[in-house]
Full PDB file with SEQRES, HELIX, SHEET, SSBOND, CRYST1, ORIGX, SCALE, CONECT and MASTER records, all heavy atoms in Angstrom:
SEQRES   1 A   45  GLY SER LEU GLN ASN ASN CYS TYR LEU ILE THR ASP THR          
SEQRES   2 A   45  ALA THR GLY LYS SER ALA LEU VAL ASP CYS THR GLU ASP          
SEQRES   3 A   45  SER LYS LYS MET ARG ASP PHE ILE ALA GLY ALA ASP LEU          
SEQRES   4 A   45  GLU TYR ILE LEU LEU THR                                      
HELIX    1 AA1 LYS A   28  ILE A   34  1                                   7    
SHEET    1 AA1 3 TYR A   8  THR A  11  0                                        
SHEET    2 AA1 3 LYS A  17  VAL A  21 -1                                        
SHEET    3 AA1 3 ASP A  38  LEU A  43  1                                        
CRYST1    1.000    1.000    1.000  90.00  90.00  90.00 P 1           1          
ORIGX1      1.000000  0.000000  0.000000        0.00000                         
ORIGX2      0.000000  1.000000  0.000000        0.00000                         
ORIGX3      0.000000  0.000000  1.000000        0.00000                         
SCALE1      1.000000  0.000000  0.000000        0.00000                         
SCALE2      0.000000  1.000000  0.000000        0.00000                         
SCALE3      0.000000  0.000000  1.000000        0.00000                         
ATOM      1  N   GLY A   1       0.787  -0.913  12.980  1.00  0.00           N  
ATOM      2  CA  GLY A   1       1.881  -0.994  13.936  1.00  0.00           C  
ATOM      3  C   GLY A   1       1.653  -0.236  15.221  1.00  0.00           C  
ATOM      4  O   GLY A   1       0.694   0.526  15.373  1.00  0.00           O  
ATOM      5  N   SER A   2       2.582  -0.441  16.160  1.00  0.00           N  
ATOM      6  CA  SER A   2       2.459   0.151  17.490  1.00  0.00           C  
ATOM      7  C   SER A   2       2.617   1.661  17.473  1.00  0.00           C  
ATOM      8  O   SER A   2       2.151   2.349  18.381  1.00  0.00           O  
ATOM      9  CB  SER A   2       3.502  -0.458  18.425  1.00  0.00           C  
ATOM     10  OG  SER A   2       4.817  -0.202  17.955  1.00  0.00           O  
ATOM     11  N   LEU A   3       3.262   2.200  16.446  1.00  0.00           N  
ATOM     12  CA  LEU A   3       3.439   3.649  16.324  1.00  0.00           C  
ATOM     13  C   LEU A   3       2.347   4.284  15.468  1.00  0.00           C  
ATOM     14  O   LEU A   3       2.406   5.469  15.169  1.00  0.00           O  
ATOM     15  CB  LEU A   3       4.821   3.982  15.754  1.00  0.00           C  
ATOM     16  CG  LEU A   3       6.004   3.523  16.610  1.00  0.00           C  
ATOM     17  CD1 LEU A   3       7.325   3.909  15.952  1.00  0.00           C  
ATOM     18  CD2 LEU A   3       5.927   4.095  18.017  1.00  0.00           C  
ATOM     19  N   GLN A   4       1.373   3.481  15.090  1.00  0.00           N  
ATOM     20  CA  GLN A   4       0.213   3.955  14.327  1.00  0.00           C  
ATOM     21  C   GLN A   4       0.635   4.737  13.077  1.00  0.00           C  
ATOM     22  O   GLN A   4       0.254   5.882  12.872  1.00  0.00           O  
ATOM     23  CB  GLN A   4      -0.695   4.799  15.215  1.00  0.00           C  
ATOM     24  CG  GLN A   4      -1.313   4.000  16.357  1.00  0.00           C  
ATOM     25  CD  GLN A   4      -2.312   4.802  17.167  1.00  0.00           C  
ATOM     26  OE1 GLN A   4      -2.033   5.904  17.608  1.00  0.00           O  
ATOM     27  NE2 GLN A   4      -3.492   4.236  17.373  1.00  0.00           N  
ATOM     28  N   ASN A   5       1.395   4.043  12.261  1.00  0.00           N  
ATOM     29  CA  ASN A   5       1.822   4.626  10.984  1.00  0.00           C  
ATOM     30  C   ASN A   5       0.697   4.591   9.962  1.00  0.00           C  
ATOM     31  O   ASN A   5      -0.004   3.590   9.848  1.00  0.00           O  
ATOM     32  CB  ASN A   5       2.999   3.837  10.408  1.00  0.00           C  
ATOM     33  CG  ASN A   5       4.268   4.028  11.195  1.00  0.00           C  
ATOM     34  OD1 ASN A   5       4.405   3.530  12.317  1.00  0.00           O  
ATOM     35  ND2 ASN A   5       5.209   4.737  10.620  1.00  0.00           N  
ATOM     36  N   ASN A   6       0.575   5.656   9.214  1.00  0.00           N  
ATOM     37  CA  ASN A   6      -0.345   5.675   8.088  1.00  0.00           C  
ATOM     38  C   ASN A   6       0.365   5.161   6.843  1.00  0.00           C  
ATOM     39  O   ASN A   6       1.438   5.657   6.478  1.00  0.00           O  
ATOM     40  CB  ASN A   6      -0.833   7.095   7.809  1.00  0.00           C  
ATOM     41  CG  ASN A   6      -1.648   7.663   8.947  1.00  0.00           C  
ATOM     42  OD1 ASN A   6      -2.323   6.935   9.661  1.00  0.00           O  
ATOM     43  ND2 ASN A   6      -1.578   8.979   9.116  1.00  0.00           N  
ATOM     44  N   CYS A   7      -0.232   4.181   6.199  1.00  0.00           N  
ATOM     45  CA  CYS A   7       0.236   3.716   4.891  1.00  0.00           C  
ATOM     46  C   CYS A   7      -0.882   3.978   3.889  1.00  0.00           C  
ATOM     47  O   CYS A   7      -2.064   3.861   4.219  1.00  0.00           O  
ATOM     48  CB  CYS A   7       0.590   2.241   4.923  1.00  0.00           C  
ATOM     49  SG  CYS A   7       1.973   1.844   6.016  1.00  0.00           S  
ATOM     50  N   TYR A   8      -0.487   4.327   2.677  1.00  0.00           N  
ATOM     51  CA  TYR A   8      -1.450   4.758   1.669  1.00  0.00           C  
ATOM     52  C   TYR A   8      -1.350   3.888   0.419  1.00  0.00           C  
ATOM     53  O   TYR A   8      -0.252   3.686  -0.114  1.00  0.00           O  
ATOM     54  CB  TYR A   8      -1.190   6.220   1.286  1.00  0.00           C  
ATOM     55  CG  TYR A   8      -1.303   7.159   2.457  1.00  0.00           C  
ATOM     56  CD1 TYR A   8      -0.183   7.498   3.216  1.00  0.00           C  
ATOM     57  CD2 TYR A   8      -2.535   7.693   2.835  1.00  0.00           C  
ATOM     58  CE1 TYR A   8      -0.278   8.349   4.303  1.00  0.00           C  
ATOM     59  CE2 TYR A   8      -2.644   8.542   3.924  1.00  0.00           C  
ATOM     60  CZ  TYR A   8      -1.514   8.867   4.650  1.00  0.00           C  
ATOM     61  OH  TYR A   8      -1.617   9.705   5.734  1.00  0.00           O  
ATOM     62  N   LEU A   9      -2.472   3.391  -0.038  1.00  0.00           N  
ATOM     63  CA  LEU A   9      -2.549   2.710  -1.319  1.00  0.00           C  
ATOM     64  C   LEU A   9      -3.142   3.695  -2.303  1.00  0.00           C  
ATOM     65  O   LEU A   9      -4.300   4.107  -2.172  1.00  0.00           O  
ATOM     66  CB  LEU A   9      -3.419   1.462  -1.223  1.00  0.00           C  
ATOM     67  CG  LEU A   9      -3.527   0.640  -2.514  1.00  0.00           C  
ATOM     68  CD1 LEU A   9      -2.174   0.023  -2.862  1.00  0.00           C  
ATOM     69  CD2 LEU A   9      -4.596  -0.441  -2.371  1.00  0.00           C  
ATOM     70  N   ILE A  10      -2.321   4.116  -3.261  1.00  0.00           N  
ATOM     71  CA  ILE A  10      -2.782   5.112  -4.230  1.00  0.00           C  
ATOM     72  C   ILE A  10      -2.913   4.439  -5.596  1.00  0.00           C  
ATOM     73  O   ILE A  10      -2.070   3.648  -5.998  1.00  0.00           O  
ATOM     74  CB  ILE A  10      -1.843   6.332  -4.281  1.00  0.00           C  
ATOM     75  CG1 ILE A  10      -0.430   5.954  -4.740  1.00  0.00           C  
ATOM     76  CG2 ILE A  10      -1.771   6.991  -2.905  1.00  0.00           C  
ATOM     77  CD1 ILE A  10       0.505   7.148  -4.906  1.00  0.00           C  
ATOM     78  N   THR A  11      -3.996   4.761  -6.280  1.00  0.00           N  
ATOM     79  CA  THR A  11      -4.312   4.088  -7.539  1.00  0.00           C  
ATOM     80  C   THR A  11      -4.680   5.097  -8.606  1.00  0.00           C  
ATOM     81  O   THR A  11      -5.526   5.977  -8.383  1.00  0.00           O  
ATOM     82  CB  THR A  11      -5.477   3.098  -7.350  1.00  0.00           C  
ATOM     83  OG1 THR A  11      -5.135   2.149  -6.328  1.00  0.00           O  
ATOM     84  CG2 THR A  11      -5.776   2.361  -8.643  1.00  0.00           C  
ATOM     85  N   ASP A  12      -4.035   4.965  -9.756  1.00  0.00           N  
ATOM     86  CA  ASP A  12      -4.400   5.759 -10.927  1.00  0.00           C  
ATOM     87  C   ASP A  12      -5.704   5.189 -11.476  1.00  0.00           C  
ATOM     88  O   ASP A  12      -5.750   4.044 -11.934  1.00  0.00           O  
ATOM     89  CB  ASP A  12      -3.288   5.676 -11.977  1.00  0.00           C  
ATOM     90  CG  ASP A  12      -3.667   6.352 -13.277  1.00  0.00           C  
ATOM     91  OD1 ASP A  12      -3.872   7.580 -13.261  1.00  0.00           O  
ATOM     92  OD2 ASP A  12      -3.781   5.645 -14.298  1.00  0.00           O  
ATOM     93  N   THR A  13      -6.766   5.980 -11.393  1.00  0.00           N  
ATOM     94  CA  THR A  13      -8.092   5.454 -11.725  1.00  0.00           C  
ATOM     95  C   THR A  13      -8.243   5.104 -13.201  1.00  0.00           C  
ATOM     96  O   THR A  13      -9.058   4.262 -13.562  1.00  0.00           O  
ATOM     97  CB  THR A  13      -9.192   6.448 -11.316  1.00  0.00           C  
ATOM     98  OG1 THR A  13      -8.941   7.713 -11.941  1.00  0.00           O  
ATOM     99  CG2 THR A  13      -9.215   6.635  -9.800  1.00  0.00           C  
ATOM    100  N   ALA A  14      -7.440   5.724 -14.059  1.00  0.00           N  
ATOM    101  CA  ALA A  14      -7.556   5.459 -15.493  1.00  0.00           C  
ATOM    102  C   ALA A  14      -7.016   4.081 -15.863  1.00  0.00           C  
ATOM    103  O   ALA A  14      -7.517   3.448 -16.798  1.00  0.00           O  
ATOM    104  CB  ALA A  14      -6.822   6.538 -16.287  1.00  0.00           C  
ATOM    105  N   THR A  15      -6.001   3.626 -15.138  1.00  0.00           N  
ATOM    106  CA  THR A  15      -5.323   2.385 -15.526  1.00  0.00           C  
ATOM    107  C   THR A  15      -5.362   1.301 -14.453  1.00  0.00           C  
ATOM    108  O   THR A  15      -5.058   0.137 -14.742  1.00  0.00           O  
ATOM    109  CB  THR A  15      -3.853   2.666 -15.860  1.00  0.00           C  
ATOM    110  OG1 THR A  15      -3.192   3.151 -14.679  1.00  0.00           O  
ATOM    111  CG2 THR A  15      -3.728   3.697 -16.983  1.00  0.00           C  
ATOM    112  N   GLY A  16      -5.674   1.667 -13.228  1.00  0.00           N  
ATOM    113  CA  GLY A  16      -5.662   0.701 -12.140  1.00  0.00           C  
ATOM    114  C   GLY A  16      -4.293   0.420 -11.559  1.00  0.00           C  
ATOM    115  O   GLY A  16      -4.160  -0.423 -10.666  1.00  0.00           O  
ATOM    116  N   LYS A  17      -3.266   1.113 -12.042  1.00  0.00           N  
ATOM    117  CA  LYS A  17      -1.916   0.945 -11.507  1.00  0.00           C  
ATOM    118  C   LYS A  17      -1.838   1.577 -10.117  1.00  0.00           C  
ATOM    119  O   LYS A  17      -2.334   2.685  -9.910  1.00  0.00           O  
ATOM    120  CB  LYS A  17      -0.880   1.578 -12.425  1.00  0.00           C  
ATOM    121  CG  LYS A  17      -0.832   0.985 -13.828  1.00  0.00           C  
ATOM    122  CD  LYS A  17      -0.327  -0.450 -13.813  1.00  0.00           C  
ATOM    123  CE  LYS A  17      -0.178  -1.007 -15.221  1.00  0.00           C  
ATOM    124  NZ  LYS A  17       0.293  -2.423 -15.214  1.00  0.00           N  
ATOM    125  N   SER A  18      -1.166   0.875  -9.183  1.00  0.00           N  
ATOM    126  CA  SER A  18      -1.139   1.332  -7.800  1.00  0.00           C  
ATOM    127  C   SER A  18       0.276   1.442  -7.250  1.00  0.00           C  
ATOM    128  O   SER A  18       1.219   0.837  -7.774  1.00  0.00           O  
ATOM    129  CB  SER A  18      -1.935   0.373  -6.904  1.00  0.00           C  
ATOM    130  OG  SER A  18      -3.301   0.360  -7.239  1.00  0.00           O  
ATOM    131  N   ALA A  19       0.390   2.202  -6.176  1.00  0.00           N  
ATOM    132  CA  ALA A  19       1.632   2.305  -5.407  1.00  0.00           C  
ATOM    133  C   ALA A  19       1.268   2.328  -3.937  1.00  0.00           C  
ATOM    134  O   ALA A  19       0.186   2.795  -3.546  1.00  0.00           O  
ATOM    135  CB  ALA A  19       2.416   3.562  -5.787  1.00  0.00           C  
ATOM    136  N   LEU A  20       2.169   1.821  -3.115  1.00  0.00           N  
ATOM    137  CA  LEU A  20       2.005   1.846  -1.669  1.00  0.00           C  
ATOM    138  C   LEU A  20       2.977   2.874  -1.108  1.00  0.00           C  
ATOM    139  O   LEU A  20       4.178   2.794  -1.369  1.00  0.00           O  
ATOM    140  CB  LEU A  20       2.296   0.465  -1.085  1.00  0.00           C  
ATOM    141  CG  LEU A  20       2.169   0.292   0.425  1.00  0.00           C  
ATOM    142  CD1 LEU A  20       0.723   0.505   0.876  1.00  0.00           C  
ATOM    143  CD2 LEU A  20       2.664  -1.094   0.847  1.00  0.00           C  
ATOM    144  N   VAL A  21       2.472   3.852  -0.375  1.00  0.00           N  
ATOM    145  CA  VAL A  21       3.333   4.854   0.246  1.00  0.00           C  
ATOM    146  C   VAL A  21       3.640   4.398   1.673  1.00  0.00           C  
ATOM    147  O   VAL A  21       2.764   4.358   2.532  1.00  0.00           O  
ATOM    148  CB  VAL A  21       2.670   6.241   0.265  1.00  0.00           C  
ATOM    149  CG1 VAL A  21       3.619   7.270   0.893  1.00  0.00           C  
ATOM    150  CG2 VAL A  21       2.279   6.677  -1.144  1.00  0.00           C  
ATOM    151  N   ASP A  22       4.900   4.021   1.894  1.00  0.00           N  
ATOM    152  CA  ASP A  22       5.413   3.462   3.142  1.00  0.00           C  
ATOM    153  C   ASP A  22       4.798   2.091   3.412  1.00  0.00           C  
ATOM    154  O   ASP A  22       3.704   1.770   2.937  1.00  0.00           O  
ATOM    155  CB  ASP A  22       5.247   4.414   4.313  1.00  0.00           C  
ATOM    156  CG  ASP A  22       6.160   5.639   4.199  1.00  0.00           C  
ATOM    157  OD1 ASP A  22       7.215   5.535   3.532  1.00  0.00           O  
ATOM    158  OD2 ASP A  22       5.836   6.690   4.772  1.00  0.00           O  
ATOM    159  N   CYS A  23       5.563   1.280   4.155  1.00  0.00           N  
ATOM    160  CA  CYS A  23       5.154  -0.114   4.361  1.00  0.00           C  
ATOM    161  C   CYS A  23       5.610  -0.558   5.745  1.00  0.00           C  
ATOM    162  O   CYS A  23       6.694  -1.116   5.902  1.00  0.00           O  
ATOM    163  CB  CYS A  23       5.742  -0.993   3.260  1.00  0.00           C  
ATOM    164  SG  CYS A  23       5.116  -2.685   3.265  1.00  0.00           S  
ATOM    165  N   THR A  24       4.785  -0.299   6.720  1.00  0.00           N  
ATOM    166  CA  THR A  24       5.136  -0.516   8.118  1.00  0.00           C  
ATOM    167  C   THR A  24       5.366  -1.975   8.463  1.00  0.00           C  
ATOM    168  O   THR A  24       6.256  -2.297   9.256  1.00  0.00           O  
ATOM    169  CB  THR A  24       4.025   0.048   9.020  1.00  0.00           C  
ATOM    170  OG1 THR A  24       3.908   1.442   8.778  1.00  0.00           O  
ATOM    171  CG2 THR A  24       4.311  -0.185  10.486  1.00  0.00           C  
ATOM    172  N   GLU A  25       4.587  -2.863   7.873  1.00  0.00           N  
ATOM    173  CA  GLU A  25       4.673  -4.268   8.262  1.00  0.00           C  
ATOM    174  C   GLU A  25       4.212  -5.156   7.118  1.00  0.00           C  
ATOM    175  O   GLU A  25       3.463  -4.731   6.233  1.00  0.00           O  
ATOM    176  CB  GLU A  25       3.799  -4.523   9.500  1.00  0.00           C  
ATOM    177  CG  GLU A  25       2.316  -4.222   9.267  1.00  0.00           C  
ATOM    178  CD  GLU A  25       1.481  -4.205  10.540  1.00  0.00           C  
ATOM    179  OE1 GLU A  25       2.043  -3.816  11.590  1.00  0.00           O  
ATOM    180  OE2 GLU A  25       0.300  -4.577  10.479  1.00  0.00           O  
ATOM    181  N   ASP A  26       4.691  -6.397   7.152  1.00  0.00           N  
ATOM    182  CA  ASP A  26       4.174  -7.432   6.270  1.00  0.00           C  
ATOM    183  C   ASP A  26       3.298  -8.325   7.136  1.00  0.00           C  
ATOM    184  O   ASP A  26       3.773  -9.205   7.838  1.00  0.00           O  
ATOM    185  CB  ASP A  26       5.316  -8.236   5.641  1.00  0.00           C  
ATOM    186  CG  ASP A  26       4.808  -9.373   4.774  1.00  0.00           C  
ATOM    187  OD1 ASP A  26       3.597  -9.399   4.474  1.00  0.00           O  
ATOM    188  OD2 ASP A  26       5.620 -10.244   4.413  1.00  0.00           O  
ATOM    189  N   SER A  27       2.015  -8.049   7.118  1.00  0.00           N  
ATOM    190  CA  SER A  27       1.066  -8.714   7.996  1.00  0.00           C  
ATOM    191  C   SER A  27      -0.186  -9.069   7.196  1.00  0.00           C  
ATOM    192  O   SER A  27      -0.355  -8.641   6.048  1.00  0.00           O  
ATOM    193  CB  SER A  27       0.685  -7.778   9.146  1.00  0.00           C  
ATOM    194  OG  SER A  27       0.093  -6.590   8.632  1.00  0.00           O  
ATOM    195  N   LYS A  28      -1.058  -9.833   7.809  1.00  0.00           N  
ATOM    196  CA  LYS A  28      -2.334 -10.125   7.155  1.00  0.00           C  
ATOM    197  C   LYS A  28      -3.094  -8.834   6.894  1.00  0.00           C  
ATOM    198  O   LYS A  28      -3.710  -8.670   5.828  1.00  0.00           O  
ATOM    199  CB  LYS A  28      -3.185 -11.071   8.007  1.00  0.00           C  
ATOM    200  CG  LYS A  28      -4.503 -11.463   7.333  1.00  0.00           C  
ATOM    201  CD  LYS A  28      -5.322 -12.387   8.195  1.00  0.00           C  
ATOM    202  CE  LYS A  28      -6.586 -12.862   7.443  1.00  0.00           C  
ATOM    203  NZ  LYS A  28      -7.449 -11.738   7.040  1.00  0.00           N  
ATOM    204  N   LYS A  29      -3.047  -7.914   7.847  1.00  0.00           N  
ATOM    205  CA  LYS A  29      -3.740  -6.639   7.665  1.00  0.00           C  
ATOM    206  C   LYS A  29      -3.192  -5.898   6.450  1.00  0.00           C  
ATOM    207  O   LYS A  29      -3.963  -5.363   5.642  1.00  0.00           O  
ATOM    208  CB  LYS A  29      -3.604  -5.778   8.917  1.00  0.00           C  
ATOM    209  CG  LYS A  29      -4.307  -4.434   8.804  1.00  0.00           C  
ATOM    210  CD  LYS A  29      -4.173  -3.616  10.091  1.00  0.00           C  
ATOM    211  CE  LYS A  29      -4.869  -2.265   9.947  1.00  0.00           C  
ATOM    212  NZ  LYS A  29      -4.782  -1.448  11.183  1.00  0.00           N  
ATOM    213  N   MET A  30      -1.858  -5.877   6.298  1.00  0.00           N  
ATOM    214  CA  MET A  30      -1.262  -5.191   5.150  1.00  0.00           C  
ATOM    215  C   MET A  30      -1.606  -5.908   3.852  1.00  0.00           C  
ATOM    216  O   MET A  30      -1.952  -5.278   2.844  1.00  0.00           O  
ATOM    217  CB  MET A  30       0.250  -5.095   5.311  1.00  0.00           C  
ATOM    218  CG  MET A  30       0.965  -4.423   4.139  1.00  0.00           C  
ATOM    219  SD  MET A  30       0.500  -2.691   3.901  1.00  0.00           S  
ATOM    220  CE  MET A  30       1.411  -1.917   5.259  1.00  0.00           C  
ATOM    221  N   ARG A  31      -1.537  -7.233   3.862  1.00  0.00           N  
ATOM    222  CA  ARG A  31      -1.835  -7.985   2.643  1.00  0.00           C  
ATOM    223  C   ARG A  31      -3.301  -7.844   2.250  1.00  0.00           C  
ATOM    224  O   ARG A  31      -3.619  -7.770   1.061  1.00  0.00           O  
ATOM    225  CB  ARG A  31      -1.427  -9.449   2.814  1.00  0.00           C  
ATOM    226  CG  ARG A  31       0.093  -9.602   2.910  1.00  0.00           C  
ATOM    227  CD  ARG A  31       0.549 -11.041   2.938  1.00  0.00           C  
ATOM    228  NE  ARG A  31       2.014 -11.108   2.959  1.00  0.00           N  
ATOM    229  CZ  ARG A  31       2.744 -12.018   2.339  1.00  0.00           C  
ATOM    230  NH1 ARG A  31       2.162 -12.956   1.625  1.00  0.00           N  
ATOM    231  NH2 ARG A  31       4.061 -11.988   2.412  1.00  0.00           N  
ATOM    232  N   ASP A  32      -4.169  -7.784   3.237  1.00  0.00           N  
ATOM    233  CA  ASP A  32      -5.586  -7.522   2.941  1.00  0.00           C  
ATOM    234  C   ASP A  32      -5.771  -6.110   2.400  1.00  0.00           C  
ATOM    235  O   ASP A  32      -6.606  -5.866   1.507  1.00  0.00           O  
ATOM    236  CB  ASP A  32      -6.432  -7.703   4.201  1.00  0.00           C  
ATOM    237  CG  ASP A  32      -6.584  -9.163   4.613  1.00  0.00           C  
ATOM    238  OD1 ASP A  32      -6.269 -10.051   3.793  1.00  0.00           O  
ATOM    239  OD2 ASP A  32      -7.002  -9.400   5.762  1.00  0.00           O  
ATOM    240  N   PHE A  33      -5.007  -5.172   2.938  1.00  0.00           N  
ATOM    241  CA  PHE A  33      -5.094  -3.767   2.529  1.00  0.00           C  
ATOM    242  C   PHE A  33      -4.753  -3.588   1.053  1.00  0.00           C  
ATOM    243  O   PHE A  33      -5.395  -2.812   0.346  1.00  0.00           O  
ATOM    244  CB  PHE A  33      -4.147  -2.948   3.406  1.00  0.00           C  
ATOM    245  CG  PHE A  33      -4.103  -1.471   3.112  1.00  0.00           C  
ATOM    246  CD1 PHE A  33      -5.215  -0.667   3.277  1.00  0.00           C  
ATOM    247  CD2 PHE A  33      -2.920  -0.870   2.684  1.00  0.00           C  
ATOM    248  CE1 PHE A  33      -5.164   0.698   3.019  1.00  0.00           C  
ATOM    249  CE2 PHE A  33      -2.857   0.484   2.429  1.00  0.00           C  
ATOM    250  CZ  PHE A  33      -3.979   1.279   2.591  1.00  0.00           C  
ATOM    251  N   ILE A  34      -3.743  -4.316   0.579  1.00  0.00           N  
ATOM    252  CA  ILE A  34      -3.307  -4.169  -0.816  1.00  0.00           C  
ATOM    253  C   ILE A  34      -3.888  -5.251  -1.723  1.00  0.00           C  
ATOM    254  O   ILE A  34      -3.573  -5.290  -2.921  1.00  0.00           O  
ATOM    255  CB  ILE A  34      -1.771  -4.171  -0.934  1.00  0.00           C  
ATOM    256  CG1 ILE A  34      -1.189  -5.519  -0.479  1.00  0.00           C  
ATOM    257  CG2 ILE A  34      -1.179  -3.015  -0.133  1.00  0.00           C  
ATOM    258  CD1 ILE A  34       0.296  -5.669  -0.755  1.00  0.00           C  
ATOM    259  N   ALA A  35      -4.723  -6.105  -1.183  1.00  0.00           N  
ATOM    260  CA  ALA A  35      -5.245  -7.241  -1.955  1.00  0.00           C  
ATOM    261  C   ALA A  35      -5.921  -6.768  -3.239  1.00  0.00           C  
ATOM    262  O   ALA A  35      -6.733  -5.851  -3.230  1.00  0.00           O  
ATOM    263  CB  ALA A  35      -6.237  -8.035  -1.112  1.00  0.00           C  
ATOM    264  N   GLY A  36      -5.538  -7.397  -4.339  1.00  0.00           N  
ATOM    265  CA  GLY A  36      -6.137  -7.078  -5.630  1.00  0.00           C  
ATOM    266  C   GLY A  36      -5.511  -5.905  -6.348  1.00  0.00           C  
ATOM    267  O   GLY A  36      -5.843  -5.635  -7.512  1.00  0.00           O  
ATOM    268  N   ALA A  37      -4.603  -5.195  -5.689  1.00  0.00           N  
ATOM    269  CA  ALA A  37      -3.978  -4.027  -6.318  1.00  0.00           C  
ATOM    270  C   ALA A  37      -2.907  -4.467  -7.313  1.00  0.00           C  
ATOM    271  O   ALA A  37      -2.185  -5.443  -7.092  1.00  0.00           O  
ATOM    272  CB  ALA A  37      -3.351  -3.124  -5.253  1.00  0.00           C  
ATOM    273  N   ASP A  38      -2.812  -3.733  -8.395  1.00  0.00           N  
ATOM    274  CA  ASP A  38      -1.729  -3.920  -9.374  1.00  0.00           C  
ATOM    275  C   ASP A  38      -0.579  -3.031  -8.918  1.00  0.00           C  
ATOM    276  O   ASP A  38      -0.396  -1.918  -9.405  1.00  0.00           O  
ATOM    277  CB  ASP A  38      -2.223  -3.527 -10.766  1.00  0.00           C  
ATOM    278  CG  ASP A  38      -1.195  -3.806 -11.853  1.00  0.00           C  
ATOM    279  OD1 ASP A  38      -0.118  -4.340 -11.534  1.00  0.00           O  
ATOM    280  OD2 ASP A  38      -1.463  -3.456 -13.020  1.00  0.00           O  
ATOM    281  N   LEU A  39       0.194  -3.539  -7.951  1.00  0.00           N  
ATOM    282  CA  LEU A  39       1.164  -2.714  -7.226  1.00  0.00           C  
ATOM    283  C   LEU A  39       2.471  -2.595  -8.008  1.00  0.00           C  
ATOM    284  O   LEU A  39       3.197  -3.574  -8.187  1.00  0.00           O  
ATOM    285  CB  LEU A  39       1.423  -3.309  -5.843  1.00  0.00           C  
ATOM    286  CG  LEU A  39       2.019  -2.366  -4.804  1.00  0.00           C  
ATOM    287  CD1 LEU A  39       1.030  -1.267  -4.430  1.00  0.00           C  
ATOM    288  CD2 LEU A  39       2.429  -3.142  -3.558  1.00  0.00           C  
ATOM    289  N   GLU A  40       2.764  -1.376  -8.457  1.00  0.00           N  
ATOM    290  CA  GLU A  40       3.986  -1.129  -9.220  1.00  0.00           C  
ATOM    291  C   GLU A  40       5.137  -0.638  -8.357  1.00  0.00           C  
ATOM    292  O   GLU A  40       6.297  -0.932  -8.643  1.00  0.00           O  
ATOM    293  CB  GLU A  40       3.711  -0.093 -10.313  1.00  0.00           C  
ATOM    294  CG  GLU A  40       2.858  -0.597 -11.449  1.00  0.00           C  
ATOM    295  CD  GLU A  40       3.245   0.070 -12.763  1.00  0.00           C  
ATOM    296  OE1 GLU A  40       3.593   1.263 -12.754  1.00  0.00           O  
ATOM    297  OE2 GLU A  40       3.193  -0.624 -13.793  1.00  0.00           O  
ATOM    298  N   TYR A  41       4.832   0.138  -7.305  1.00  0.00           N  
ATOM    299  CA  TYR A  41       5.883   0.765  -6.505  1.00  0.00           C  
ATOM    300  C   TYR A  41       5.559   0.677  -5.018  1.00  0.00           C  
ATOM    301  O   TYR A  41       4.396   0.650  -4.615  1.00  0.00           O  
ATOM    302  CB  TYR A  41       6.020   2.262  -6.844  1.00  0.00           C  
ATOM    303  CG  TYR A  41       6.238   2.597  -8.286  1.00  0.00           C  
ATOM    304  CD1 TYR A  41       5.193   3.134  -9.051  1.00  0.00           C  
ATOM    305  CD2 TYR A  41       7.471   2.401  -8.906  1.00  0.00           C  
ATOM    306  CE1 TYR A  41       5.378   3.469 -10.374  1.00  0.00           C  
ATOM    307  CE2 TYR A  41       7.660   2.727 -10.233  1.00  0.00           C  
ATOM    308  CZ  TYR A  41       6.618   3.263 -10.968  1.00  0.00           C  
ATOM    309  OH  TYR A  41       6.790   3.590 -12.290  1.00  0.00           O  
ATOM    310  N   ILE A  42       6.627   0.685  -4.226  1.00  0.00           N  
ATOM    311  CA  ILE A  42       6.545   0.995  -2.802  1.00  0.00           C  
ATOM    312  C   ILE A  42       7.338   2.283  -2.627  1.00  0.00           C  
ATOM    313  O   ILE A  42       8.566   2.300  -2.756  1.00  0.00           O  
ATOM    314  CB  ILE A  42       7.119  -0.126  -1.922  1.00  0.00           C  
ATOM    315  CG1 ILE A  42       6.374  -1.447  -2.163  1.00  0.00           C  
ATOM    316  CG2 ILE A  42       7.050   0.272  -0.447  1.00  0.00           C  
ATOM    317  CD1 ILE A  42       6.997  -2.646  -1.476  1.00  0.00           C  
ATOM    318  N   LEU A  43       6.631   3.376  -2.405  1.00  0.00           N  
ATOM    319  CA  LEU A  43       7.239   4.696  -2.317  1.00  0.00           C  
ATOM    320  C   LEU A  43       7.553   4.996  -0.855  1.00  0.00           C  
ATOM    321  O   LEU A  43       6.632   5.113  -0.036  1.00  0.00           O  
ATOM    322  CB  LEU A  43       6.282   5.758  -2.866  1.00  0.00           C  
ATOM    323  CG  LEU A  43       5.761   5.549  -4.295  1.00  0.00           C  
ATOM    324  CD1 LEU A  43       4.711   6.613  -4.619  1.00  0.00           C  
ATOM    325  CD2 LEU A  43       6.905   5.604  -5.304  1.00  0.00           C  
ATOM    326  N   LEU A  44       8.820   5.126  -0.526  1.00  0.00           N  
ATOM    327  CA  LEU A  44       9.216   5.348   0.855  1.00  0.00           C  
ATOM    328  C   LEU A  44       9.527   6.823   1.082  1.00  0.00           C  
ATOM    329  O   LEU A  44      10.337   7.419   0.374  1.00  0.00           O  
ATOM    330  CB  LEU A  44      10.434   4.490   1.198  1.00  0.00           C  
ATOM    331  CG  LEU A  44      10.190   2.977   1.063  1.00  0.00           C  
ATOM    332  CD1 LEU A  44      11.475   2.206   1.317  1.00  0.00           C  
ATOM    333  CD2 LEU A  44       9.079   2.518   2.009  1.00  0.00           C  
ATOM    334  N   THR A  45       8.862   7.393   2.081  1.00  0.00           N  
ATOM    335  CA  THR A  45       9.102   8.799   2.405  1.00  0.00           C  
ATOM    336  C   THR A  45      10.425   8.987   3.123  1.00  0.00           C  
ATOM    337  O   THR A  45      11.036  10.051   3.039  1.00  0.00           O  
ATOM    338  CB  THR A  45       7.971   9.368   3.270  1.00  0.00           C  
ATOM    339  OG1 THR A  45       7.871   8.604   4.496  1.00  0.00           O  
ATOM    340  CG2 THR A  45       6.637   9.315   2.527  1.00  0.00           C  
TER     341      THR A  45                                                      
MASTER        0    0    0    1    3    0    0    6  340    1    0    4          
END                                                                             
C-alpha cells in the first residue's frame, strides 16, 4: 500500500499452520504473498 504497511505471514514450523498479521489490501501481491499457506487467522493489531 501507499503507506508502506508491513504485513507478516507467520507459520508454525511443526504443523504448517499460518496466520497473517494485518491485511492492508486484497491484491495480487497479497494473494501471492500468502499463496500456499494454511491460513487459520488474520491477526489485527
